[in-house]
C-alpha cells in the first residue's frame, strides 16, 4: 500500500523517526492508526456513558475472572464491544 502525505505530515513523520522512538515511517503510521482506533473506542464508551448504558463495577467478580483467565493462560482482549 502506498500513502501520499502532505509535505507537513511527511515532515512530522520524519521528525518522529529522527527522535529515535520509531525505526521507520511505517512504525509512525501504524502508531497513528492505533491511536485512531483507541480514540474511536473511547468515543463509543463515552456515548454509552451518556446514554446511561453502564453498570456498576463488581471488582471482586472482575478479580475472580482475571485469576481464572490467568490460570487457564487465556489472553483476553480488554476492549468491550457491543
Protein backbone atom coordinates (compact mmCIF):
# COMPACT_ATOMS: atom_id res chain seq x y z
CA UNK A 1 0.00 0.00 0.00
CA UNK A 2 1.24 3.45 -0.83
CA UNK A 3 0.16 6.51 1.10
CA UNK A 4 0.55 10.09 -0.04
CA UNK A 5 1.12 12.65 2.70
CA UNK A 6 1.06 16.40 2.62
CA UNK A 7 4.52 17.97 2.96
CA UNK A 8 3.64 18.96 6.54
CA UNK A 9 2.65 15.42 7.52
CA UNK A 10 5.70 13.98 5.80
CA UNK A 11 7.90 16.33 7.82
CA UNK A 12 6.12 15.30 11.02
CA UNK A 13 6.73 11.63 10.27
CA UNK A 14 10.41 12.32 9.55
CA UNK A 15 10.71 14.23 12.84
CA UNK A 16 9.18 11.31 14.76
CA UNK A 17 11.65 8.86 13.18
CA UNK A 18 14.51 11.27 13.88
CA UNK A 19 13.72 11.21 17.62
CA UNK A 20 14.69 7.54 17.65
CA UNK A 21 11.39 6.42 19.12
CA UNK A 22 10.45 4.88 15.76
CA UNK A 23 12.69 2.95 13.38
CA UNK A 24 10.90 4.00 10.22
CA UNK A 25 7.91 5.82 8.75
CA UNK A 26 5.77 2.66 8.77
CA UNK A 27 6.03 2.46 12.56
CA UNK A 28 4.88 6.07 12.88
CA UNK A 29 1.88 5.44 10.63
CA UNK A 30 0.96 2.22 12.49
CA UNK A 31 1.08 4.05 15.82
CA UNK A 32 -1.11 6.83 14.43
CA UNK A 33 -3.66 4.27 13.22
CA UNK A 34 -3.64 2.53 16.61
CA UNK A 35 -4.28 5.86 18.29
CA UNK A 36 -7.20 6.50 15.94
CA UNK A 37 -8.66 3.11 16.92
CA UNK A 38 -8.25 3.95 20.62
CA UNK A 39 -9.97 7.29 20.06
CA UNK A 40 -12.86 5.55 18.29
CA UNK A 41 -13.25 3.06 21.15
CA UNK A 42 -13.17 5.88 23.70
CA UNK A 43 -15.86 7.73 21.76
CA UNK A 44 -18.05 4.61 21.84
CA UNK A 45 -17.54 4.32 25.56
CA UNK A 46 -18.44 7.95 26.19
CA UNK A 47 -21.54 7.56 24.02
CA UNK A 48 -22.59 4.55 26.11
CA UNK A 49 -21.92 6.55 29.28
CA UNK A 50 -24.02 9.49 28.09
CA UNK A 51 -26.81 7.10 27.03
CA UNK A 52 -26.87 5.59 30.52
CA UNK A 53 -25.70 2.20 29.27
CA UNK A 54 -23.43 1.50 32.20
CA UNK A 55 -23.38 -0.97 35.06
CA UNK A 56 -21.62 -0.76 38.41
CA UNK A 57 -18.20 -2.38 38.51
CA UNK A 58 -18.06 -5.52 40.61
CA UNK A 59 -14.36 -5.52 41.42
CA UNK A 60 -14.50 -8.84 43.30
CA UNK A 61 -16.03 -10.59 40.29
CA UNK A 62 -13.53 -8.92 37.95
CA UNK A 63 -10.64 -10.20 40.08
CA UNK A 64 -12.08 -13.73 40.11
CA UNK A 65 -12.45 -13.69 36.34
CA UNK A 66 -8.92 -12.33 35.87
CA UNK A 67 -7.46 -15.02 38.14
CA UNK A 68 -9.41 -17.75 36.35
CA UNK A 69 -8.19 -16.48 32.97
CA UNK A 70 -4.60 -16.35 34.25
CA UNK A 71 -4.81 -19.94 35.48
CA UNK A 72 -6.05 -21.00 32.04
CA UNK A 73 -3.34 -18.83 30.42
CA UNK A 74 -6.06 -17.07 28.44
CA UNK A 75 -5.23 -13.84 26.71
CA UNK A 76 -8.22 -11.53 26.97
CA UNK A 77 -8.93 -8.60 24.67
CA UNK A 78 -9.65 -5.69 27.03
CA UNK A 79 -11.85 -3.84 24.55
CA UNK A 80 -15.55 -4.02 25.28
CA UNK A 81 -17.77 -4.36 22.25
CA UNK A 82 -21.45 -4.11 21.75
